[in-house]
Amino acid sequence: MDVETAKKGMVIDDIIILDVNDIQKILKIGKEAAYALMRNHAFPSVKIGKRYVVEKEAFKQWLKRQEGREFQL
């Protein structure tokens, strides 16, 4: 699947890294909230240069651990 297909919002199983824009779309939150989440020490993100990313499986595991909880940013 190409990048253009990804930009149209289709699910891509080949992607293993999510960025701030991906997190924003998946969680339906604003850009500032997505950045705040990525900077939070309880979230499994990595900062590479000026860019935050999270491994897809780590994100899924984190999300499962949040079930039934309210996560404060």
Protein backbone atom coordinates (compact mmCIF):
# COMPACT_ATOMS: atom_id res chain seq x y z
CA MET A 1 0.00 0.00 0.00
CA ASP A 2 1.39 3.40 -0.91
CA VAL A 3 1.62 6.62 1.07
CA GLU A 4 -1.31 8.20 -0.76
CA THR A 5 -3.56 5.36 0.35
CA ALA A 6 -2.34 5.85 3.93
CA LYS A 7 -3.17 9.56 3.77
CA LYS A 8 -6.75 8.70 2.82
CA GLY A 9 -7.18 7.06 6.23
CA MET A 10 -7.12 3.37 5.32
CA VAL A 11 -5.82 0.89 7.87
CA ILE A 12 -2.30 -0.20 7.07
CA ASP A 13 -1.01 -3.36 8.71
CA ASP A 14 2.53 -2.84 7.41
CA ILE A 15 3.09 0.33 9.47
CA ILE A 16 4.98 -0.37 12.68
CA ILE A 17 5.65 3.21 13.83
CA LEU A 18 2.99 5.83 14.59
CA ASP A 19 3.66 9.56 14.73
CA VAL A 20 1.79 12.44 16.34
CA ASN A 21 -0.58 12.78 13.39
CA ASP A 22 -1.45 9.08 13.56
CA ILE A 23 -2.14 9.26 17.30
CA GLN A 24 -4.25 12.36 16.76
CA LYS A 25 -6.40 10.58 14.15
CA ILE A 26 -6.68 7.28 16.02
CA LEU A 27 -7.70 8.86 19.33
CA LYS A 28 -9.64 11.74 17.76
CA ILE A 29 -7.78 14.34 19.81
CA GLY A 30 -6.22 17.67 18.93
CA LYS A 31 -2.60 18.18 17.94
CA GLU A 32 -1.64 19.75 21.29
CA ALA A 33 -3.20 16.83 23.20
CA ALA A 34 -1.36 14.36 20.94
CA TYR A 35 1.96 16.10 21.63
CA ALA A 36 1.21 16.20 25.36
CA LEU A 37 0.52 12.48 25.30
CA MET A 38 3.74 11.77 23.40
CA ARG A 39 5.72 13.81 25.97
CA ASN A 40 4.09 12.03 28.92
CA HIS A 41 6.47 9.61 30.67
CA ALA A 42 3.67 7.04 31.07
CA PHE A 43 3.31 6.81 27.26
CA PRO A 44 5.74 4.56 25.32
CA SER A 45 6.95 7.18 22.85
CA VAL A 46 10.47 7.90 21.64
CA LYS A 47 11.80 11.29 20.57
CA ILE A 48 14.00 11.14 17.49
CA GLY A 49 15.39 14.57 16.80
CA LYS A 50 12.33 16.80 17.00
CA ARG A 51 9.92 14.01 16.09
CA TYR A 52 7.95 11.81 18.49
CA VAL A 53 7.04 8.27 17.46
CA VAL A 54 5.59 5.20 19.14
CA GLU A 55 5.82 1.59 18.04
CA LYS A 56 2.36 0.38 17.02
CA GLU A 57 2.33 -2.70 19.26
CA ALA A 58 3.53 -0.65 22.26
CA PHE A 59 0.69 1.81 21.61
CA LYS A 60 -1.87 -1.00 21.45
CA GLN A 61 -0.58 -2.49 24.72
CA TRP A 62 -0.62 0.92 26.41
CA LEU A 63 -4.19 1.51 25.22
CA LYS A 64 -5.32 -1.86 26.63
CA ARG A 65 -3.78 -0.99 30.00
CA GLN A 66 -5.83 2.24 30.04
CA GLU A 67 -9.20 0.44 29.80
CA GLY A 68 -11.53 1.63 32.53
CA ARG A 69 -9.21 4.48 33.51
CA GLU A 70 -9.21 8.18 32.92
CA PHE A 71 -5.86 9.33 31.56
CA GLN A 72 -4.92 12.88 32.52
CA LEU A 73 -2.57 14.93 30.34
